Amino acid sequence: MPSDSRAERVWRTESPEATEQVAESLVPLLQPDTLILLKGELGAGKTTFVRGLAKALGVEEPIRSPSFALVYEYTIRQPETLKGLPLLHLDLYRLETPQELATLGLDELLERGGVVVIEWAERLENFPYPLHAPHVWEIAFEVNPDGTRVIRWRRV
């Protein structure tokens, strides 16, 4: 991983398994209070990425897209530095108003000390909502015409 805290890292993946492996490779960099903002079009691999992340964090439950529930909570079982903390998986795809965002209680979720992953984070740009987290990552997903994915990671 680059030593510059704001450096960007880019991967090209050819399968869902490769996308999961990218997520797994980032787990050693995770700290309590990390917010991960996932951006990309429908079907770009955001939920697949979360599955890989959850697997590497020892989550035993199946990972589903929270499009209708808006938020799922899982317990992190590894590594030791994160053990017992929540992995909170949110999906803002259906979010339409600032009131809906307020109802999610995002501030309270961020205060729980775990890892918060937000799919469709670009939706936050539509609302004046400040995010307060010590560690923020942005991960952008692009789908190439040949079906491969480009995944761009950076600290914000």
N, C-alpha and C. Protein backbone atom coordinates (compact mmCIF):
# COMPACT_ATOMS: atom_id res chain seq x y z
N MET A 1 0.85 -1.17 0.00
CA MET A 1 0.00 0.00 0.00
C MET A 1 0.89 1.23 0.00
N PRO A 2 0.53 2.25 -0.73
CA PRO A 2 1.35 3.46 -0.78
C PRO A 2 1.51 4.08 0.60
N SER A 3 2.67 4.68 0.86
CA SER A 3 2.90 5.30 2.16
C SER A 3 2.15 6.61 2.31
N ASP A 4 1.92 7.32 1.22
CA ASP A 4 1.16 8.57 1.28
C ASP A 4 -0.28 8.24 1.65
N SER A 5 -0.76 8.84 2.73
CA SER A 5 -2.10 8.51 3.23
C SER A 5 -3.20 8.88 2.25
N ARG A 6 -2.93 9.74 1.30
CA ARG A 6 -3.96 10.12 0.33
C ARG A 6 -3.71 9.49 -1.05
N ALA A 7 -2.73 8.62 -1.15
CA ALA A 7 -2.42 7.99 -2.42
C ALA A 7 -3.59 7.13 -2.88
N GLU A 8 -3.69 6.98 -4.19
CA GLU A 8 -4.75 6.16 -4.76
C GLU A 8 -4.18 4.81 -5.16
N ARG A 9 -4.99 3.80 -5.01
CA ARG A 9 -4.62 2.44 -5.44
C ARG A 9 -5.68 1.99 -6.42
N VAL A 10 -5.28 1.33 -7.51
CA VAL A 10 -6.21 0.92 -8.56
C VAL A 10 -6.01 -0.56 -8.86
N TRP A 11 -7.13 -1.28 -8.98
CA TRP A 11 -7.13 -2.68 -9.37
C TRP A 11 -8.05 -2.86 -10.58
N ARG A 12 -7.75 -3.87 -11.36
CA ARG A 12 -8.65 -4.30 -12.44
C ARG A 12 -9.02 -5.74 -12.10
N THR A 13 -10.31 -6.03 -12.01
CA THR A 13 -10.75 -7.38 -11.67
C THR A 13 -11.56 -7.97 -12.81
N GLU A 14 -11.46 -9.28 -12.93
CA GLU A 14 -12.14 -9.98 -14.02
C GLU A 14 -13.24 -10.92 -13.53
N SER A 15 -13.44 -10.98 -12.21
CA SER A 15 -14.45 -11.90 -11.67
C SER A 15 -14.92 -11.39 -10.31
N PRO A 16 -16.09 -11.87 -9.86
CA PRO A 16 -16.53 -11.51 -8.51
C PRO A 16 -15.52 -11.95 -7.45
N GLU A 17 -14.89 -13.10 -7.64
CA GLU A 17 -13.90 -13.58 -6.67
C GLU A 17 -12.72 -12.62 -6.58
N ALA A 18 -12.30 -12.09 -7.72
CA ALA A 18 -11.18 -11.13 -7.72
C ALA A 18 -11.58 -9.84 -7.01
N THR A 19 -12.84 -9.42 -7.18
CA THR A 19 -13.33 -8.22 -6.47
C THR A 19 -13.33 -8.47 -4.97
N GLU A 20 -13.75 -9.67 -4.55
CA GLU A 20 -13.72 -10.01 -3.13
C GLU A 20 -12.29 -10.01 -2.61
N GLN A 21 -11.34 -10.48 -3.41
CA GLN A 21 -9.94 -10.50 -2.98
C GLN A 21 -9.38 -9.09 -2.78
N VAL A 22 -9.82 -8.16 -3.60
CA VAL A 22 -9.40 -6.76 -3.41
C VAL A 22 -9.85 -6.29 -2.03
N ALA A 23 -11.11 -6.57 -1.70
CA ALA A 23 -11.64 -6.17 -0.39
C ALA A 23 -10.84 -6.82 0.73
N GLU A 24 -10.57 -8.11 0.60
CA GLU A 24 -9.80 -8.82 1.62
C GLU A 24 -8.42 -8.20 1.80
N SER A 25 -7.81 -7.73 0.72
CA SER A 25 -6.46 -7.16 0.81
C SER A 25 -6.43 -5.85 1.59
N LEU A 26 -7.56 -5.20 1.73
CA LEU A 26 -7.61 -3.92 2.44
C LEU A 26 -7.86 -4.07 3.95
N VAL A 27 -8.25 -5.25 4.38
CA VAL A 27 -8.58 -5.46 5.80
C VAL A 27 -7.43 -5.08 6.74
N PRO A 28 -6.17 -5.38 6.43
CA PRO A 28 -5.09 -4.98 7.34
C PRO A 28 -5.01 -3.47 7.58
N LEU A 29 -5.58 -2.67 6.69
CA LEU A 29 -5.56 -1.22 6.84
C LEU A 29 -6.73 -0.68 7.66
N LEU A 30 -7.72 -1.53 7.91
CA LEU A 30 -8.91 -1.08 8.64
C LEU A 30 -8.59 -0.77 10.09
N GLN A 31 -9.25 0.25 10.58
CA GLN A 31 -9.15 0.63 11.99
C GLN A 31 -10.57 0.83 12.52
N PRO A 32 -10.75 0.80 13.84
CA PRO A 32 -12.06 1.18 14.36
C PRO A 32 -12.41 2.58 13.85
N ASP A 33 -13.69 2.82 13.68
CA ASP A 33 -14.18 4.11 13.20
C ASP A 33 -13.80 4.40 11.74
N THR A 34 -13.82 3.37 10.91
CA THR A 34 -13.56 3.58 9.48
C THR A 34 -14.89 3.65 8.74
N LEU A 35 -15.03 4.65 7.91
CA LEU A 35 -16.18 4.83 7.04
C LEU A 35 -15.72 4.57 5.62
N ILE A 36 -16.39 3.64 4.93
CA ILE A 36 -16.04 3.29 3.56
C ILE A 36 -17.18 3.70 2.65
N LEU A 37 -16.90 4.61 1.73
CA LEU A 37 -17.89 5.13 0.79
C LEU A 37 -17.72 4.42 -0.54
N LEU A 38 -18.71 3.62 -0.93
CA LEU A 38 -18.66 2.88 -2.19
C LEU A 38 -19.48 3.60 -3.25
N LYS A 39 -18.86 3.85 -4.40
CA LYS A 39 -19.53 4.56 -5.48
C LYS A 39 -19.41 3.75 -6.76
N GLY A 40 -20.48 3.76 -7.55
CA GLY A 40 -20.46 3.05 -8.82
C GLY A 40 -21.85 2.69 -9.27
N GLU A 41 -21.97 2.38 -10.55
CA GLU A 41 -23.27 2.09 -11.12
C GLU A 41 -23.83 0.75 -10.62
N LEU A 42 -25.09 0.53 -10.90
CA LEU A 42 -25.76 -0.71 -10.54
C LEU A 42 -25.01 -1.88 -11.17
N GLY A 43 -24.73 -2.90 -10.37
CA GLY A 43 -24.05 -4.09 -10.88
C GLY A 43 -22.55 -3.95 -11.02
N ALA A 44 -21.97 -2.89 -10.46
CA ALA A 44 -20.53 -2.65 -10.61
C ALA A 44 -19.67 -3.48 -9.67
N GLY A 45 -20.27 -4.08 -8.65
CA GLY A 45 -19.49 -4.92 -7.74
C GLY A 45 -19.43 -4.44 -6.30
N LYS A 46 -20.25 -3.46 -5.95
CA LYS A 46 -20.20 -2.90 -4.59
C LYS A 46 -20.57 -3.95 -3.54
N THR A 47 -21.67 -4.66 -3.73
CA THR A 47 -22.08 -5.67 -2.75
C THR A 47 -21.09 -6.83 -2.75
N THR A 48 -20.57 -7.19 -3.90
CA THR A 48 -19.55 -8.25 -3.97
C THR A 48 -18.34 -7.85 -3.16
N PHE A 49 -17.94 -6.60 -3.25
CA PHE A 49 -16.83 -6.08 -2.46
C PHE A 49 -17.12 -6.23 -0.97
N VAL A 50 -18.33 -5.87 -0.55
CA VAL A 50 -18.70 -5.97 0.87
C VAL A 50 -18.66 -7.43 1.31
N ARG A 51 -19.08 -8.35 0.44
CA ARG A 51 -19.00 -9.78 0.78
C ARG A 51 -17.56 -10.20 1.07
N GLY A 52 -16.63 -9.76 0.23
CA GLY A 52 -15.23 -10.09 0.45
C GLY A 52 -14.69 -9.47 1.72
N LEU A 53 -15.08 -8.25 1.99
CA LEU A 53 -14.67 -7.57 3.21
C LEU A 53 -15.19 -8.31 4.44
N ALA A 54 -16.48 -8.63 4.41
CA ALA A 54 -17.11 -9.33 5.54
C ALA A 54 -16.47 -10.69 5.77
N LYS A 55 -16.21 -11.41 4.70
CA LYS A 55 -15.57 -12.72 4.82
C LYS A 55 -14.22 -12.59 5.53
N ALA A 56 -13.42 -11.61 5.10
CA ALA A 56 -12.10 -11.40 5.71
C ALA A 56 -12.20 -10.93 7.15
N LEU A 57 -13.34 -10.33 7.52
CA LEU A 57 -13.56 -9.88 8.90
C LEU A 57 -14.20 -10.97 9.76
N GLY A 58 -14.36 -12.16 9.19
CA GLY A 58 -14.89 -13.28 9.96
C GLY A 58 -16.39 -13.28 10.13
N VAL A 59 -17.10 -12.48 9.36
CA VAL A 59 -18.57 -12.45 9.44
C VAL A 59 -19.09 -13.77 8.89
N GLU A 60 -19.97 -14.41 9.65
CA GLU A 60 -20.47 -15.73 9.27
C GLU A 60 -21.81 -15.67 8.55
N GLU A 61 -22.58 -14.61 8.75
CA GLU A 61 -23.89 -14.50 8.12
C GLU A 61 -23.73 -14.19 6.63
N PRO A 62 -24.71 -14.61 5.82
CA PRO A 62 -24.66 -14.25 4.40
C PRO A 62 -24.83 -12.73 4.23
N ILE A 63 -24.11 -12.16 3.31
CA ILE A 63 -24.17 -10.72 3.05
C ILE A 63 -25.16 -10.47 1.92
N ARG A 64 -26.14 -9.65 2.20
CA ARG A 64 -27.15 -9.29 1.20
C ARG A 64 -27.06 -7.79 0.95
N SER A 65 -27.54 -7.39 -0.20
CA SER A 65 -27.60 -5.96 -0.49
C SER A 65 -28.72 -5.37 0.36
N PRO A 66 -28.43 -4.32 1.12
CA PRO A 66 -29.46 -3.73 1.99
C PRO A 66 -30.35 -2.72 1.27
N SER A 67 -30.62 -2.93 -0.01
CA SER A 67 -31.42 -1.97 -0.78
C SER A 67 -32.78 -1.69 -0.15
N PHE A 68 -33.40 -2.70 0.42
CA PHE A 68 -34.73 -2.49 0.98
C PHE A 68 -34.70 -2.31 2.49
N ALA A 69 -33.76 -2.95 3.17
CA ALA A 69 -33.64 -2.79 4.61
C ALA A 69 -32.86 -1.52 4.96
N LEU A 70 -32.10 -1.00 4.02
CA LEU A 70 -31.24 0.18 4.15
C LEU A 70 -29.99 -0.06 4.98
N VAL A 71 -30.07 -0.87 6.03
CA VAL A 71 -28.87 -1.14 6.84
C VAL A 71 -28.93 -2.55 7.42
N TYR A 72 -27.79 -3.24 7.33
CA TYR A 72 -27.61 -4.54 7.98
C TYR A 72 -26.43 -4.41 8.93
N GLU A 73 -26.51 -5.13 10.03
CA GLU A 73 -25.42 -5.12 11.01
C GLU A 73 -24.88 -6.52 11.20
N TYR A 74 -23.57 -6.64 11.22
CA TYR A 74 -22.88 -7.91 11.43
C TYR A 74 -21.83 -7.70 12.51
N THR A 75 -21.38 -8.77 13.13
CA THR A 75 -20.33 -8.68 14.14
C THR A 75 -19.00 -9.11 13.53
N ILE A 76 -18.00 -8.26 13.70
CA ILE A 76 -16.65 -8.56 13.22
C ILE A 76 -16.02 -9.55 14.18
N ARG A 77 -15.44 -10.63 13.64
CA ARG A 77 -14.82 -11.66 14.47
C ARG A 77 -13.29 -11.68 14.36
N GLN A 78 -12.75 -10.99 13.38
CA GLN A 78 -11.30 -10.90 13.19
C GLN A 78 -11.01 -9.68 12.33
N PRO A 79 -9.86 -9.10 12.37
CA PRO A 79 -8.70 -9.35 13.23
C PRO A 79 -8.97 -8.89 14.66
N GLU A 80 -8.04 -9.18 15.52
CA GLU A 80 -8.19 -8.88 16.95
C GLU A 80 -8.47 -7.39 17.20
N THR A 81 -7.88 -6.51 16.40
CA THR A 81 -8.05 -5.07 16.60
C THR A 81 -9.48 -4.60 16.35
N LEU A 82 -10.27 -5.39 15.64
CA LEU A 82 -11.66 -5.02 15.32
C LEU A 82 -12.68 -5.99 15.91
N LYS A 83 -12.21 -7.05 16.53
CA LYS A 83 -13.08 -8.12 17.02
C LYS A 83 -14.16 -7.58 17.96
N GLY A 84 -15.41 -7.98 17.68
CA GLY A 84 -16.54 -7.58 18.50
C GLY A 84 -17.21 -6.29 18.06
N LEU A 85 -16.56 -5.53 17.20
CA LEU A 85 -17.14 -4.28 16.70
C LEU A 85 -18.15 -4.59 15.60
N PRO A 86 -19.05 -3.65 15.33
CA PRO A 86 -20.02 -3.89 14.26
C PRO A 86 -19.46 -3.56 12.87
N LEU A 87 -19.90 -4.36 11.91
CA LEU A 87 -19.76 -4.02 10.50
C LEU A 87 -21.15 -3.60 10.08
N LEU A 88 -21.32 -2.34 9.74
CA LEU A 88 -22.62 -1.80 9.36
C LEU A 88 -22.61 -1.56 7.85
N HIS A 89 -23.57 -2.17 7.17
CA HIS A 89 -23.64 -2.15 5.70
C HIS A 89 -24.90 -1.40 5.31
N LEU A 90 -24.73 -0.23 4.71
CA LEU A 90 -25.86 0.62 4.32
C LEU A 90 -25.94 0.73 2.80
N ASP A 91 -27.14 0.97 2.31
CA ASP A 91 -27.36 1.17 0.89
C ASP A 91 -28.27 2.39 0.74
N LEU A 92 -27.79 3.42 0.07
CA LEU A 92 -28.55 4.66 -0.07
C LEU A 92 -29.22 4.79 -1.43
N TYR A 93 -29.31 3.71 -2.19
CA TYR A 93 -29.86 3.77 -3.54
C TYR A 93 -31.25 4.38 -3.58
N ARG A 94 -32.09 4.00 -2.63
CA ARG A 94 -33.49 4.47 -2.65
C ARG A 94 -33.68 5.78 -1.89
N LEU A 95 -32.62 6.32 -1.34
CA LEU A 95 -32.71 7.54 -0.55
C LEU A 95 -33.14 8.71 -1.43
N GLU A 96 -34.17 9.44 -1.00
CA GLU A 96 -34.67 10.54 -1.83
C GLU A 96 -34.70 11.89 -1.12
N THR A 97 -34.77 11.90 0.21
CA THR A 97 -34.89 13.17 0.91
C THR A 97 -33.90 13.24 2.08
N PRO A 98 -33.56 14.45 2.50
CA PRO A 98 -32.71 14.60 3.69
C PRO A 98 -33.34 13.96 4.93
N GLN A 99 -34.67 13.96 4.99
CA GLN A 99 -35.36 13.37 6.14
C GLN A 99 -35.10 11.86 6.21
N GLU A 100 -35.07 11.21 5.05
CA GLU A 100 -34.78 9.77 5.04
C GLU A 100 -33.37 9.50 5.54
N LEU A 101 -32.44 10.35 5.16
CA LEU A 101 -31.08 10.21 5.64
C LEU A 101 -31.02 10.41 7.15
N ALA A 102 -31.73 11.40 7.65
CA ALA A 102 -31.76 11.66 9.09
C ALA A 102 -32.36 10.47 9.84
N THR A 103 -33.37 9.84 9.26
CA THR A 103 -34.02 8.69 9.89
C THR A 103 -33.06 7.51 10.05
N LEU A 104 -32.10 7.40 9.15
CA LEU A 104 -31.12 6.32 9.25
C LEU A 104 -30.27 6.43 10.52
N GLY A 105 -30.13 7.64 11.04
CA GLY A 105 -29.29 7.84 12.22
C GLY A 105 -27.82 7.60 11.92
N LEU A 106 -27.37 8.11 10.79
CA LEU A 106 -26.00 7.88 10.36
C LEU A 106 -24.99 8.35 11.40
N ASP A 107 -25.26 9.47 12.05
CA ASP A 107 -24.34 9.95 13.10
C ASP A 107 -24.17 8.91 14.19
N GLU A 108 -25.28 8.34 14.64
CA GLU A 108 -25.22 7.33 15.70
C GLU A 108 -24.48 6.08 15.23
N LEU A 109 -24.70 5.69 13.99
CA LEU A 109 -24.00 4.52 13.46
C LEU A 109 -22.50 4.75 13.42
N LEU A 110 -22.10 5.95 13.03
CA LEU A 110 -20.68 6.28 12.95
C LEU A 110 -20.03 6.33 14.33
N GLU A 111 -20.81 6.59 15.36
CA GLU A 111 -20.27 6.70 16.72
C GLU A 111 -20.07 5.35 17.39
N ARG A 112 -20.45 4.26 16.74
CA ARG A 112 -20.38 2.94 17.37
C ARG A 112 -19.01 2.31 17.31
N GLY A 113 -18.07 2.94 16.63
CA GLY A 113 -16.68 2.48 16.68
C GLY A 113 -16.31 1.38 15.71
N GLY A 114 -17.22 0.92 14.91
CA GLY A 114 -16.92 -0.18 14.00
C GLY A 114 -16.52 0.30 12.62
N VAL A 115 -16.90 -0.52 11.65
CA VAL A 115 -16.65 -0.22 10.25
C VAL A 115 -18.01 0.01 9.59
N VAL A 116 -18.18 1.16 8.97
CA VAL A 116 -19.44 1.50 8.29
C VAL A 116 -19.15 1.54 6.80
N VAL A 117 -19.91 0.73 6.04
CA VAL A 117 -19.76 0.68 4.58
C VAL A 117 -21.05 1.19 3.97
N ILE A 118 -20.94 2.19 3.11
CA ILE A 118 -22.13 2.79 2.48
C ILE A 118 -22.08 2.58 0.98
N GLU A 119 -23.03 1.78 0.47
CA GLU A 119 -23.19 1.65 -0.98
C GLU A 119 -23.99 2.84 -1.49
N TRP A 120 -23.72 3.24 -2.71
CA TRP A 120 -24.36 4.40 -3.33
C TRP A 120 -24.06 5.67 -2.54
N ALA A 121 -22.83 5.79 -2.09
CA ALA A 121 -22.42 6.96 -1.30
C ALA A 121 -22.52 8.25 -2.08
N GLU A 122 -22.53 8.17 -3.40
CA GLU A 122 -22.67 9.40 -4.18
C GLU A 122 -23.99 10.09 -3.90
N ARG A 123 -24.97 9.35 -3.36
CA ARG A 123 -26.26 9.95 -2.99
C ARG A 123 -26.09 10.98 -1.88
N LEU A 124 -25.06 10.84 -1.07
CA LEU A 124 -24.80 11.81 0.00
C LEU A 124 -24.50 13.20 -0.56
N GLU A 125 -24.02 13.25 -1.79
CA GLU A 125 -23.68 14.54 -2.40
C GLU A 125 -24.93 15.39 -2.66
N ASN A 126 -26.10 14.75 -2.68
CA ASN A 126 -27.35 15.47 -2.92
C ASN A 126 -27.88 16.17 -1.66
N PHE A 127 -27.28 15.85 -0.52
CA PHE A 127 -27.78 16.38 0.75
C PHE A 127 -26.64 17.04 1.52
N PRO A 128 -26.92 18.17 2.15
CA PRO A 128 -25.88 18.81 2.96
C PRO A 128 -25.74 18.07 4.29
N TYR A 129 -24.98 16.98 4.28
CA TYR A 129 -24.87 16.14 5.46
C TYR A 129 -23.40 15.90 5.76
N PRO A 130 -22.88 16.51 6.81
CA PRO A 130 -21.46 16.31 7.12
C PRO A 130 -21.22 14.92 7.72
N LEU A 131 -20.17 14.29 7.28
CA LEU A 131 -19.79 12.99 7.82
C LEU A 131 -18.60 13.17 8.74
N HIS A 132 -18.74 12.66 9.94
CA HIS A 132 -17.66 12.79 10.92
C HIS A 132 -17.16 11.40 11.26
N ALA A 133 -16.04 11.03 10.67
CA ALA A 133 -15.40 9.76 10.97
C ALA A 133 -13.90 9.99 10.88
N PRO A 134 -13.15 9.39 11.81
CA PRO A 134 -11.70 9.59 11.80
C PRO A 134 -11.01 9.04 10.55
N HIS A 135 -11.54 7.96 10.01
CA HIS A 135 -10.91 7.31 8.86
C HIS A 135 -11.97 7.13 7.77
N VAL A 136 -11.76 7.79 6.65
CA VAL A 136 -12.74 7.72 5.56
C VAL A 136 -12.02 7.24 4.30
N TRP A 137 -12.61 6.21 3.69
CA TRP A 137 -12.11 5.70 2.42
C TRP A 137 -13.18 5.91 1.36
N GLU A 138 -12.75 6.20 0.16
CA GLU A 138 -13.66 6.24 -0.98
C GLU A 138 -13.20 5.16 -1.96
N ILE A 139 -14.14 4.32 -2.36
CA ILE A 139 -13.83 3.26 -3.32
C ILE A 139 -14.82 3.38 -4.47
N ALA A 140 -14.28 3.65 -5.66
CA ALA A 140 -15.11 3.84 -6.85
C ALA A 140 -14.99 2.62 -7.76
N PHE A 141 -16.13 2.19 -8.29
CA PHE A 141 -16.20 1.02 -9.16
C PHE A 141 -16.63 1.46 -10.55
N GLU A 142 -15.91 0.99 -11.56
CA GLU A 142 -16.27 1.26 -12.95
C GLU A 142 -16.36 -0.08 -13.68
N VAL A 143 -17.35 -0.20 -14.57
CA VAL A 143 -17.49 -1.40 -15.38
C VAL A 143 -16.99 -1.09 -16.78
N ASN A 144 -16.02 -1.86 -17.25
CA ASN A 144 -15.50 -1.70 -18.61
C ASN A 144 -16.41 -2.42 -19.60
N PRO A 145 -16.35 -2.05 -20.88
CA PRO A 145 -17.18 -2.72 -21.89
C PRO A 145 -16.97 -4.24 -21.94
N ASP A 146 -15.77 -4.70 -21.59
CA ASP A 146 -15.51 -6.15 -21.62
C ASP A 146 -15.97 -6.86 -20.34
N GLY A 147 -16.62 -6.12 -19.43
CA GLY A 147 -17.14 -6.72 -18.20
C GLY A 147 -16.18 -6.71 -17.03
N THR A 148 -14.93 -6.34 -17.27
CA THR A 148 -14.00 -6.23 -16.15
C THR A 148 -14.34 -4.99 -15.34
N ARG A 149 -13.85 -4.96 -14.11
CA ARG A 149 -14.09 -3.82 -13.23
C ARG A 149 -12.78 -3.10 -12.94
N VAL A 150 -12.87 -1.80 -12.79
CA VAL A 150 -11.77 -1.01 -12.27
C VAL A 150 -12.21 -0.52 -10.90
N ILE A 151 -11.38 -0.78 -9.90
CA ILE A 151 -11.69 -0.39 -8.52
C ILE A 151 -10.61 0.59 -8.08
N ARG A 152 -11.04 1.78 -7.67
CA ARG A 152 -10.12 2.83 -7.23
C ARG A 152 -10.35 3.11 -5.75
N TRP A 153 -9.28 2.97 -4.97
CA TRP A 153 -9.33 3.20 -3.52
C TRP A 153 -8.50 4.42 -3.18
N ARG A 154 -9.03 5.23 -2.28
CA ARG A 154 -8.24 6.35 -1.75
C ARG A 154 -8.78 6.72 -0.38
N ARG A 155 -7.88 7.25 0.44
CA ARG A 155 -8.30 7.82 1.73
C ARG A 155 -8.77 9.24 1.47
N VAL A 156 -9.80 9.65 2.17
CA VAL A 156 -10.37 10.99 1.99
C VAL A 156 -9.99 11.85 3.18
